[in-house]
Protein backbone atom coordinates (compact mmCIF):
# COMPACT_ATOMS: atom_id res chain seq x y z
CA MET A 1 -57.54 16.86 -37.58
CA ALA A 2 -58.93 20.26 -37.49
CA TRP A 3 -61.26 21.77 -34.93
CA PHE A 4 -64.47 19.94 -35.80
CA ILE A 5 -65.60 19.13 -32.24
CA ALA A 6 -65.08 22.73 -31.11
CA THR A 7 -66.58 24.30 -34.24
CA ILE A 8 -70.15 25.52 -34.04
CA LEU A 9 -72.69 23.92 -36.33
CA ALA A 10 -74.29 27.26 -36.93
CA VAL A 11 -76.87 26.15 -39.46
CA ILE A 12 -78.32 23.77 -36.91
CA THR A 13 -78.15 26.45 -34.23
CA SER A 14 -79.91 28.90 -36.52
CA LEU A 15 -82.76 26.51 -37.19
CA LEU A 16 -83.17 25.61 -33.55
CA LEU A 17 -83.08 29.26 -32.50
CA LEU A 18 -85.61 30.14 -35.17
CA GLY A 19 -88.11 27.82 -33.54
CA LYS A 20 -87.28 28.93 -30.01
CA PHE A 21 -87.43 32.66 -30.58
CA ALA A 22 -90.90 32.36 -32.06
CA HIS A 23 -92.14 31.43 -28.58
CA VAL A 24 -89.82 33.15 -26.11
CA SER A 25 -90.34 32.83 -22.38
CA HIS A 26 -87.66 34.28 -20.18
CA ASP A 27 -86.81 33.66 -16.53
CA ALA A 28 -85.19 36.53 -14.62
CA LYS A 29 -82.41 34.15 -13.57
CA GLU A 30 -81.48 33.39 -17.17
CA PRO A 31 -78.81 35.34 -19.10
CA PRO A 32 -80.23 38.43 -20.85
CA LEU A 33 -81.81 37.91 -24.26
CA ILE A 34 -79.85 38.96 -27.34
CA PRO A 35 -81.94 41.39 -29.40
CA GLN A 36 -82.43 40.65 -33.09
CA THR A 37 -82.93 43.11 -35.92
CA PHE A 38 -85.88 41.27 -37.44
CA PRO A 39 -88.44 39.27 -35.45
CA TYR A 40 -88.04 35.48 -35.55
CA VAL A 41 -85.44 35.37 -38.35
CA GLY A 42 -82.92 38.02 -37.28
CA HIS A 43 -80.50 35.54 -35.69
CA LEU A 44 -80.75 33.17 -38.64
CA PHE A 45 -79.74 35.89 -41.11
CA GLY A 46 -77.05 37.17 -38.75
CA MET A 47 -75.39 33.77 -38.52
CA LEU A 48 -75.58 33.13 -42.25
CA GLN A 49 -74.13 36.58 -43.02
CA HIS A 50 -71.41 36.84 -40.38
CA GLY A 51 -70.64 33.19 -39.56
CA SER A 52 -69.31 32.56 -36.07
CA ARG A 53 -68.35 36.23 -35.60
CA TYR A 54 -72.05 36.97 -35.10
CA TYR A 55 -72.20 35.65 -31.56
CA THR A 56 -72.14 37.81 -28.47
CA GLN A 57 -69.80 37.10 -25.58
CA ILE A 58 -70.83 34.60 -22.95
CA SER A 59 -69.01 34.57 -19.63
CA LEU A 60 -68.49 31.73 -17.15
CA VAL A 61 -66.82 29.58 -19.80
CA ALA A 62 -64.99 27.36 -17.31
CA ALA A 63 -68.24 26.71 -15.46
CA VAL A 64 -69.85 25.53 -18.69
CA ASP A 65 -66.99 23.09 -19.28
CA ARG A 66 -67.50 21.65 -15.80
CA HIS A 67 -71.15 20.86 -16.63
CA SER A 68 -70.42 18.75 -19.70
CA ARG A 69 -73.08 16.14 -18.86
CA THR A 70 -75.94 18.62 -18.63
CA VAL A 71 -74.63 21.22 -21.09
CA SER A 72 -73.64 18.97 -23.95
CA PHE A 73 -72.26 19.02 -27.47
CA ALA A 74 -73.75 15.60 -28.23
CA PRO A 75 -77.07 16.86 -29.67
CA TYR A 76 -75.10 18.81 -32.26
CA VAL A 77 -73.39 15.61 -33.37
CA VAL A 78 -76.76 13.98 -33.94
CA GLU A 79 -78.14 16.98 -35.87
CA PHE A 80 -74.96 17.25 -37.93
CA ALA A 81 -75.25 13.59 -38.86
CA LYS A 82 -78.93 13.90 -39.72
CA ARG A 83 -78.50 16.95 -41.96
CA ILE A 84 -75.03 16.54 -43.46
CA LEU A 85 -74.05 12.86 -43.22
CA VAL A 86 -77.60 11.59 -44.01
CA PRO A 87 -77.20 8.09 -42.56
CA SER A 88 -79.89 5.44 -42.41
CA ALA A 89 -82.56 5.55 -39.70
CA ASN A 90 -80.68 2.82 -37.80
CA GLY A 91 -77.40 4.71 -38.07
CA LEU A 92 -78.96 7.89 -36.75
CA GLU A 93 -80.64 6.06 -33.87
CA ALA A 94 -77.28 4.56 -32.89
CA LEU A 95 -75.90 8.09 -32.43
CA LYS A 96 -78.79 9.01 -30.13
CA VAL A 97 -78.21 6.14 -27.69
CA ASN A 98 -76.97 7.22 -24.24
CA LEU A 99 -77.07 10.87 -25.29
CA HIS A 100 -76.79 12.03 -21.66
CA GLU A 101 -74.02 9.44 -21.02
CA GLU A 102 -75.86 8.27 -17.95
CA ASN A 103 -74.32 4.84 -18.68
CA GLY A 104 -70.78 6.13 -19.12
CA ILE A 105 -69.37 6.00 -22.65
CA SER A 106 -71.14 2.78 -23.68
CA SER A 107 -72.51 3.98 -27.03
CA CYS A 108 -71.37 4.18 -30.63
CA ARG A 109 -71.02 7.97 -30.54
CA SER A 110 -69.13 8.11 -27.23
CA GLU A 111 -66.82 5.19 -28.01
CA THR A 112 -66.01 6.59 -31.44
CA LEU A 113 -64.97 9.88 -29.88
CA LYS A 114 -62.86 8.08 -27.28
CA ALA A 115 -61.22 5.95 -29.97
CA MET A 116 -60.29 9.09 -31.90
CA HIS A 117 -58.76 10.69 -28.81
CA VAL A 118 -56.70 7.55 -28.16
CA ALA A 119 -55.55 7.18 -31.77
CA LEU A 120 -54.44 10.81 -31.99
CA ALA A 121 -52.97 11.22 -28.51
CA PRO A 122 -49.17 11.62 -28.20
CA GLY A 123 -47.64 8.20 -28.80
CA ASP A 124 -46.70 5.74 -31.52
CA ASP A 125 -49.95 6.03 -33.52
CA LEU A 126 -49.68 9.81 -33.67
CA GLU A 127 -46.03 9.63 -34.70
CA ARG A 128 -46.81 7.18 -37.51
CA ILE A 129 -49.61 9.30 -38.96
CA THR A 130 -47.45 12.41 -38.60
CA GLN A 131 -44.55 10.79 -40.46
CA ASP A 132 -46.89 9.68 -43.24
CA MET A 133 -48.26 13.22 -43.50
CA LEU A 134 -44.74 14.68 -43.58
CA SER A 135 -43.66 12.27 -46.32
CA SER A 136 -46.55 13.45 -48.46
CA VAL A 137 -45.80 17.11 -47.71
CA VAL A 138 -42.17 16.73 -48.81
CA ARG A 139 -43.19 14.83 -51.95
CA LEU A 140 -45.88 17.35 -52.90
CA LEU A 141 -43.63 20.37 -52.29
CA GLY A 142 -40.83 18.73 -54.26
CA SER A 143 -43.13 18.17 -57.20
CA VAL A 144 -43.60 21.94 -57.54
CA PHE A 145 -40.07 22.26 -58.84
CA THR A 146 -38.78 19.55 -61.13
CA THR A 147 -35.25 19.21 -62.47
CA THR A 148 -36.51 20.35 -65.88
CA ASN A 149 -38.55 23.32 -64.64
CA LYS A 150 -36.97 25.36 -61.88
CA SER A 151 -38.66 28.69 -62.60
CA ASP A 152 -40.48 30.56 -59.87
CA LYS A 153 -44.12 29.59 -59.41
CA ASP A 154 -47.10 31.85 -58.83
CA PHE A 155 -49.94 30.54 -56.68
CA HIS A 156 -52.97 31.73 -54.80
CA LEU A 157 -51.81 31.06 -51.25
CA PHE A 158 -55.00 29.67 -49.70
CA SER A 159 -55.91 27.59 -52.77
CA TRP A 160 -52.39 26.19 -52.95
CA ALA A 161 -52.40 25.36 -49.23
CA ARG A 162 -55.80 23.70 -49.62
CA ARG A 163 -54.42 21.31 -52.20
CA LEU A 164 -51.30 20.58 -50.15
CA VAL A 165 -53.09 20.01 -46.84
CA THR A 166 -55.97 18.04 -48.36
CA GLN A 167 -53.63 15.62 -50.09
CA ALA A 168 -51.09 15.23 -47.26
CA SER A 169 -53.73 14.89 -44.53
CA THR A 170 -55.82 12.31 -46.33
CA ASP A 171 -52.76 10.35 -47.45
CA ALA A 172 -51.82 10.04 -43.78
CA VAL A 173 -55.30 9.11 -42.57
CA TYR A 174 -56.52 6.82 -45.34
CA GLY A 175 -53.16 5.48 -46.53
CA ALA A 176 -51.50 6.86 -49.66
CA SER A 177 -52.02 3.65 -51.65
CA ARG A 178 -55.85 3.69 -51.40
CA ASN A 179 -56.58 7.29 -50.48
CA PRO A 180 -59.85 8.30 -52.20
CA PHE A 181 -58.60 11.89 -52.35
CA GLN A 182 -55.87 10.90 -54.82
CA ASP A 183 -58.67 11.48 -57.31
CA SER A 184 -58.87 15.24 -57.83
CA ALA A 185 -62.60 14.91 -58.50
CA VAL A 186 -63.09 13.55 -54.97
CA GLU A 187 -61.09 16.43 -53.52
CA ALA A 188 -63.21 18.92 -55.49
CA ALA A 189 -66.35 17.14 -54.29
CA PHE A 190 -65.42 17.64 -50.64
CA TRP A 191 -64.83 21.36 -51.05
CA ALA A 192 -68.10 21.68 -52.95
CA VAL A 193 -69.84 20.19 -49.90
CA ASP A 194 -68.05 22.66 -47.66
CA LYS A 195 -69.03 25.61 -49.85
CA ASP A 196 -72.71 24.56 -49.86
CA PHE A 197 -72.75 23.50 -46.20
CA ALA A 198 -75.34 26.07 -45.11
CA PHE A 199 -77.90 25.00 -47.68
CA LEU A 200 -77.17 21.30 -47.23
CA GLY A 201 -77.75 21.85 -43.51
CA LEU A 202 -81.30 22.98 -44.20
CA ASN A 203 -81.92 19.38 -45.31
CA VAL A 204 -84.64 20.56 -47.70
CA LEU A 205 -84.40 19.83 -51.45
CA PRO A 206 -80.56 19.74 -51.41
CA ASN A 207 -80.44 18.79 -55.11
CA ILE A 208 -82.14 22.13 -55.88
CA LEU A 209 -80.83 24.46 -53.15
CA ALA A 210 -77.26 23.10 -53.16
CA PRO A 211 -76.79 21.14 -56.38
CA LYS A 212 -72.97 21.19 -56.41
CA GLY A 213 -72.74 20.30 -52.74
CA HIS A 214 -75.35 17.57 -53.15
CA ARG A 215 -73.52 16.01 -56.09
CA GLY A 216 -70.23 16.38 -54.25
CA ARG A 217 -71.61 14.56 -51.23
CA GLN A 218 -72.79 11.68 -53.39
CA LYS A 219 -69.38 11.56 -55.08
CA LEU A 220 -67.68 11.32 -51.67
CA PHE A 221 -70.00 8.56 -50.51
CA GLN A 222 -69.25 6.60 -53.69
CA ALA A 223 -65.50 7.07 -53.17
CA PHE A 224 -65.69 5.87 -49.57
CA HIS A 225 -67.80 2.91 -50.70
CA GLN A 226 -65.04 1.85 -53.08
CA TYR A 227 -62.42 2.40 -50.36
CA TYR A 228 -64.10 0.08 -47.85
CA GLU A 229 -65.17 -2.42 -50.50
CA GLN A 230 -61.49 -2.84 -51.39
CA ASP A 231 -60.50 -3.10 -47.69
CA GLY A 232 -58.63 0.19 -47.93
CA HIS A 233 -59.09 0.75 -44.19
CA LYS A 234 -56.78 -2.18 -43.48
CA SER A 235 -53.85 -0.12 -44.78
CA GLY A 236 -55.20 3.12 -43.36
CA SER A 237 -54.17 4.86 -40.14
CA ARG A 238 -55.15 3.76 -36.67
CA ILE A 239 -57.90 6.39 -36.48
CA VAL A 240 -59.68 4.91 -39.53
CA GLN A 241 -59.31 1.39 -38.19
CA ALA A 242 -60.46 2.34 -34.68
CA ARG A 243 -63.56 4.12 -35.98
CA TYR A 244 -64.36 1.11 -38.17
CA GLU A 245 -63.99 -1.29 -35.24
CA VAL A 246 -66.31 0.72 -33.00
CA ASN A 247 -68.93 1.04 -35.72
CA ARG A 248 -68.84 -2.68 -36.40
CA LYS A 249 -69.14 -3.37 -32.67
CA TYR A 250 -72.46 -1.52 -32.72
CA ASN A 251 -73.63 -3.17 -35.97
CA ILE A 252 -73.35 0.00 -38.03
CA SER A 253 -73.74 -0.82 -41.73
CA THR A 254 -70.88 -0.31 -44.16
CA GLU A 255 -72.97 2.31 -45.95
CA ASP A 256 -73.38 4.32 -42.75
CA ILE A 257 -69.65 3.99 -42.01
CA GLU A 258 -69.01 5.48 -45.45
CA HIS A 259 -71.35 8.36 -44.68
CA PHE A 260 -69.85 8.93 -41.22
CA ASP A 261 -66.40 9.37 -42.79
CA LEU A 262 -67.48 12.73 -44.18
CA SER A 263 -67.36 14.03 -40.59
CA LEU A 264 -63.78 12.78 -40.26
CA CYS A 265 -62.82 14.75 -43.35
CA TYR A 266 -64.46 17.87 -41.96
CA GLY A 267 -62.47 17.61 -38.77
CA LEU A 268 -59.32 16.91 -40.71
CA LEU A 269 -59.41 19.71 -43.25
CA VAL A 270 -61.70 22.71 -42.87
CA ASN A 271 -59.62 24.55 -40.27
CA THR A 272 -56.15 23.16 -40.89
CA VAL A 273 -56.13 24.54 -44.43
CA PRO A 274 -56.64 28.21 -43.45
CA ALA A 275 -54.45 27.75 -40.36
CA VAL A 276 -51.50 26.68 -42.52
CA SER A 277 -52.18 29.56 -44.91
CA TRP A 278 -52.23 32.18 -42.14
CA VAL A 279 -49.09 30.83 -40.46
CA LEU A 280 -47.22 31.11 -43.78
CA TYR A 281 -48.65 34.58 -44.32
CA TYR A 282 -47.49 35.89 -40.93
CA VAL A 283 -44.01 34.37 -41.22
CA TYR A 284 -43.22 35.41 -44.78
CA SER A 285 -44.79 38.86 -44.44
CA GLN A 286 -42.45 39.71 -41.54
CA PRO A 287 -38.79 39.37 -42.68
CA TYR A 288 -37.45 39.60 -39.13
CA LEU A 289 -39.68 36.70 -38.06
CA LEU A 290 -38.66 34.59 -41.06
CA GLU A 291 -34.97 35.26 -40.37
CA SER A 292 -35.43 34.54 -36.66
CA LEU A 293 -37.03 31.20 -37.46
CA ARG A 294 -34.28 30.23 -39.88
CA THR A 295 -31.64 31.18 -37.32
CA THR A 296 -33.23 29.11 -34.54
CA ILE A 297 -33.79 26.13 -36.84
CA SER A 298 -30.21 26.19 -38.19
CA PRO A 299 -28.59 24.24 -35.28
CA TYR A 300 -31.02 21.38 -35.92
CA ILE A 301 -29.99 20.91 -39.55
CA HIS A 302 -27.60 17.93 -39.52
CA LEU A 303 -25.15 17.42 -42.38
CA LEU A 304 -24.73 13.68 -42.85
CA GLY A 305 -23.05 11.40 -45.37
CA ALA A 306 -20.46 12.02 -48.06
CA ASP A 307 -22.90 14.20 -50.00
CA LEU A 308 -23.56 16.35 -46.90
CA MET A 309 -27.28 15.75 -47.06
CA ARG A 310 -29.20 18.13 -44.78
CA HIS A 311 -31.31 16.09 -42.36
CA VAL A 312 -34.01 17.78 -40.29
CA SER A 313 -36.05 16.17 -37.52
CA ILE A 314 -39.27 18.15 -37.19
CA ALA A 315 -39.86 16.90 -33.64
CA GLU A 316 -36.35 17.97 -32.63
CA VAL A 317 -36.94 21.43 -34.11
CA ILE A 318 -40.24 21.81 -32.28
CA ASP A 319 -38.68 20.74 -28.97
CA GLY A 320 -35.75 23.12 -29.37
CA CYS A 321 -37.54 26.08 -30.94
CA PRO A 322 -40.38 27.34 -28.71
CA LEU A 323 -40.87 30.28 -31.08
CA LEU A 324 -42.32 27.83 -33.61
CA SER A 325 -45.10 26.64 -31.33
CA SER A 326 -45.69 30.14 -30.00
CA LEU A 327 -46.28 31.74 -33.39
CA VAL A 328 -48.66 28.94 -34.40
CA GLN A 329 -50.67 29.40 -31.20
CA GLU A 330 -50.70 33.15 -31.76
CA THR A 331 -51.93 32.70 -35.32
CA LEU A 332 -54.81 30.60 -34.05
CA ARG A 333 -55.57 33.12 -31.30
CA VAL A 334 -55.77 35.97 -33.80
CA GLN A 335 -57.68 34.11 -36.51
CA SER A 336 -59.86 31.66 -34.55
CA THR A 337 -63.52 32.69 -34.45
CA ASN A 338 -65.29 29.46 -33.53
CA ALA A 339 -68.35 29.63 -31.32
CA SER A 340 -68.52 26.28 -29.61
CA GLY A 341 -72.14 25.21 -29.24
CA ARG A 342 -73.96 23.28 -26.52
CA VAL A 343 -77.52 22.17 -25.82
CA VAL A 344 -78.76 22.29 -22.22
CA LEU A 345 -80.09 18.83 -21.39
CA GLN A 346 -81.53 19.77 -18.00
CA ASP A 347 -81.96 22.96 -15.96
CA THR A 348 -78.45 24.00 -14.85
CA MET A 349 -77.32 26.84 -12.59
CA LEU A 350 -73.89 28.29 -13.38
CA GLU A 351 -71.93 29.55 -10.38
CA ASP A 352 -75.17 30.55 -8.62
CA GLN A 353 -75.47 33.35 -11.18
CA TYR A 354 -77.27 32.22 -14.34
CA LEU A 355 -79.98 29.64 -14.92
CA LEU A 356 -79.68 27.68 -18.14
CA LYS A 357 -83.03 26.10 -18.92
CA LYS A 358 -83.47 22.69 -20.48
CA ASP A 359 -83.40 22.72 -24.30
CA SER A 360 -81.66 26.12 -24.38
CA ILE A 361 -78.78 26.65 -26.79
CA LEU A 362 -75.47 27.92 -25.44
CA LEU A 363 -72.69 29.44 -27.52
CA ILE A 364 -69.09 30.08 -26.40
CA PRO A 365 -67.41 32.55 -28.80
CA SER A 366 -63.64 32.23 -28.97
CA ALA A 367 -63.23 35.54 -30.81
CA GLU A 368 -64.46 37.47 -27.79
CA LEU A 369 -62.14 35.58 -25.45
CA HIS A 370 -59.16 35.81 -27.79
CA ASN A 371 -59.60 39.60 -28.10
CA ASN A 372 -60.17 40.41 -24.45
CA PRO A 373 -57.66 43.01 -23.16
CA SER A 374 -58.15 41.86 -19.55
CA ILE A 375 -56.73 38.48 -20.63
CA TRP A 376 -54.14 39.39 -23.26
CA GLY A 377 -53.21 42.93 -22.31
CA PRO A 378 -53.19 46.12 -24.39
CA SER A 379 -51.58 44.34 -27.37
CA PHE A 380 -54.55 41.96 -27.75
CA LYS A 381 -55.23 43.20 -31.29
CA ASP A 382 -51.63 42.70 -32.42
CA PHE A 383 -49.99 39.59 -33.81
CA ASP A 384 -47.15 38.83 -31.38
CA ALA A 385 -45.21 35.73 -32.40
CA GLN A 386 -43.58 35.50 -28.95
CA ARG A 387 -46.78 35.81 -26.92
CA PHE A 388 -46.81 32.11 -25.97
CA MET A 389 -43.07 31.74 -25.32
CA PRO A 390 -42.40 29.87 -22.03
CA ASN A 391 -40.38 32.74 -20.52
CA ARG A 392 -42.87 35.41 -21.56
CA THR A 393 -44.48 37.27 -18.66
CA SER A 394 -47.15 39.91 -19.15
CA GLY A 395 -48.32 40.30 -15.56
CA LEU A 396 -51.74 38.97 -16.58
CA LYS A 397 -52.98 35.60 -15.41
CA LYS A 398 -54.59 33.76 -18.30
CA PRO A 399 -57.30 31.27 -17.30
CA ALA A 400 -57.13 27.91 -19.04
CA SER A 401 -60.49 28.53 -20.68
CA ALA A 402 -59.29 31.77 -22.32
CA TYR A 403 -57.63 29.98 -25.25
CA ARG A 404 -60.16 28.01 -27.25
CA ALA A 405 -58.62 27.47 -30.69
CA TYR A 406 -59.21 23.74 -30.27
CA GLY A 407 -62.26 23.99 -28.04
CA SER A 408 -62.01 22.80 -24.45
CA GLY A 409 -63.47 20.48 -21.87
CA ALA A 410 -65.34 17.39 -23.03
CA SER A 411 -65.55 18.71 -26.60
CA VAL A 412 -61.87 19.51 -27.08
CA CYS A 413 -60.70 18.53 -30.56
CA PRO A 414 -59.24 14.99 -30.58
CA GLY A 415 -57.04 15.90 -33.55
CA ARG A 416 -55.37 18.93 -32.01
CA PHE A 417 -51.96 17.26 -31.67
CA PHE A 418 -51.97 16.07 -35.27
CA ALA A 419 -53.16 19.46 -36.51
CA ALA A 420 -50.32 21.22 -34.67
CA ASN A 421 -47.79 18.69 -35.98
CA GLU A 422 -48.99 19.22 -39.54
CA ILE A 423 -48.96 23.01 -39.37
CA MET A 424 -45.45 23.09 -37.91
CA SER A 425 -44.15 20.40 -40.29
CA ILE A 426 -45.27 22.38 -43.32
CA LEU A 427 -43.87 25.60 -41.87
CA VAL A 428 -40.43 24.14 -41.08
CA THR A 429 -40.17 22.50 -44.50
CA MET A 430 -41.16 25.71 -46.28
CA VAL A 431 -38.85 27.93 -44.22
CA CYS A 432 -35.88 25.66 -44.84
CA LYS A 433 -36.34 25.17 -48.58
CA TYR A 434 -38.40 27.99 -50.06
CA ASP A 435 -38.89 31.74 -50.27
CA MET A 436 -42.29 33.31 -50.77
CA LYS A 437 -43.16 36.83 -51.91
CA PRO A 438 -46.41 38.60 -52.78
CA VAL A 439 -46.95 39.08 -56.52
CA ARG A 440 -48.18 42.64 -55.88
CA GLY A 441 -44.90 43.57 -54.23
CA ARG A 442 -46.10 44.00 -50.64
CA TRP A 443 -48.10 42.01 -48.15
CA ILE A 444 -51.58 43.35 -47.43
CA LEU A 445 -53.80 41.83 -44.75
CA PRO A 446 -56.99 40.94 -46.65
CA LYS A 447 -60.59 41.26 -45.54
CA MET A 448 -62.04 38.14 -43.97
CA HIS A 449 -64.79 35.97 -45.39
CA PRO A 450 -67.04 34.54 -42.64
CA HIS A 451 -67.99 30.89 -42.98
CA ILE A 452 -70.35 28.82 -40.88
CA THR A 453 -68.28 25.63 -40.62
CA THR A 454 -64.78 26.98 -40.06
CA SER A 455 -63.13 28.38 -36.97
CA ILE A 456 -60.32 29.95 -38.99
CA LEU A 457 -61.52 32.51 -41.53
CA THR A 458 -60.39 32.76 -45.14
CA PRO A 459 -59.85 35.98 -47.12
CA VAL A 460 -62.47 37.45 -49.43
CA GLU A 461 -59.76 37.64 -52.11
CA ASP A 462 -56.97 35.07 -52.15
CA ILE A 463 -53.37 36.26 -51.86
CA GLN A 464 -51.27 35.70 -54.97
CA VAL A 465 -47.70 34.71 -54.12
CA THR A 466 -44.51 33.67 -55.85
CA ILE A 467 -42.75 30.62 -54.40
CA SER A 468 -39.12 29.99 -55.28
CA GLU A 469 -36.37 27.68 -54.15
CA ARG A 470 -34.23 29.21 -51.44
CA GLU A 471 -31.06 30.59 -52.99
CA GLY A 472 -27.89 28.72 -52.12
CA TYR A 473 -29.66 25.59 -50.87
CA ASP A 474 -29.85 22.70 -53.32
CA PRO A 475 -33.41 21.32 -52.92
CA ARG A 476 -32.17 17.80 -53.63
CA HIS A 477 -29.95 17.84 -50.54
CA TRP A 478 -32.73 17.90 -47.93
CA ARG A 479 -34.35 15.09 -45.98
CA PHE A 480 -37.12 15.67 -43.45
CA SER A 481 -38.38 13.17 -40.90
CA TRP A 482 -40.38 13.36 -37.71
CA ARG A 483 -37.79 11.74 -35.43
CA ARG A 484 -33.99 11.63 -35.85
CA SER A 485 -34.26 7.87 -35.59
CA ASP A 486 -36.08 7.95 -38.94
CA PHE A 487 -32.97 9.22 -40.75
CA SER A 488 -32.04 6.66 -43.36
CA PRO A 489 -28.32 5.97 -43.96
CA LYS A 490 -28.28 7.18 -47.56
């Protein structure tokens, strides 16, 4: 599950700001206004052109998190559903119930979010979905090289990772036997929706302004209809079943459940794909880092059985190799640009300093926090794989709110543990079995392509790489599992 809850719905923000800036009134106690190049529409064009990098820094982040009932993400959920998920009138009204949570979490929207947090929290359900994801990763990577075709393979890194992550993630969530994304046309449909997200978000003549995205959305809804009609959710993961149960509790129609699943796919894929790509880029582009990882992983490769099969427990590697987690966190710090959005539900004073007026829109830009030298020191611009190592001391005290790759507070991403497991599972499997080199002969950090829906940016031009089996390591003699207890006696 990628960073959907923490990711700004910038199209919606743009439209709301467009209306607000046409009639600006400003209290001296409010934060200063952000100037715009063109009257009324300057912010709209800025967000569409630069994505989440457009936003200006907002301080007092921790104070905002403490006011989650009055400075809320919930209105964004409703607008996202209205413009992107296009449910029925009854389905949309169900999402609006108890918007301020004055009655606790007794609503379809609140209980769905809670169910997702429970299903993806550390525990048995998370381990099962992680193992299912890992099984798909190993199968998909193994299919790259068959016994009859062992030649090196050239790929575009981000496109290749998109295919791998999309298939493995959805196999784990929806169940490999009935996964709608087994159909490559369904996978292509989802990414067409993502590409046309900005125009779909306008919710005006989508068949004309975003024809591919519009057709893709309809294709996805049809695929989810078939999935639920065939009771596919009964063999799906706990998160699919839990969401279904909550929706049924609140009399949500099957058609609306099918539409709501598009949001699950967004959270699952749009940030994990580039995150995996960047982690692989940083590791393979730095030979010393690749070698260090292989050296630290080596003690956790267990030779078992008469054929000396190499068994690797990903969880054991993660527990024993803090460098692995550190470099993933650093990748997200460097590449995360989400601007987590909130709507002010009632006048709120932050730390006796700023007045946030009702119906105002608040944005919390992670890029500014992640590139703040007062937080990260003089090396804030550098990629430092050891920055998050437990024994690392920089003399700087980092506030909890300074790292926002997964959001924070009430809107923290419920899928953050699964996302981390997936990124590290793919990395460990790749590092153990495969080499990767740039086709052009050297690694070049590409220019970024801003996108409204993603926290992790993608390159303007994809990176062409050659993937080959690691020399001296028979690819047939590897088995990967999440826990050592999953090793089968073969």
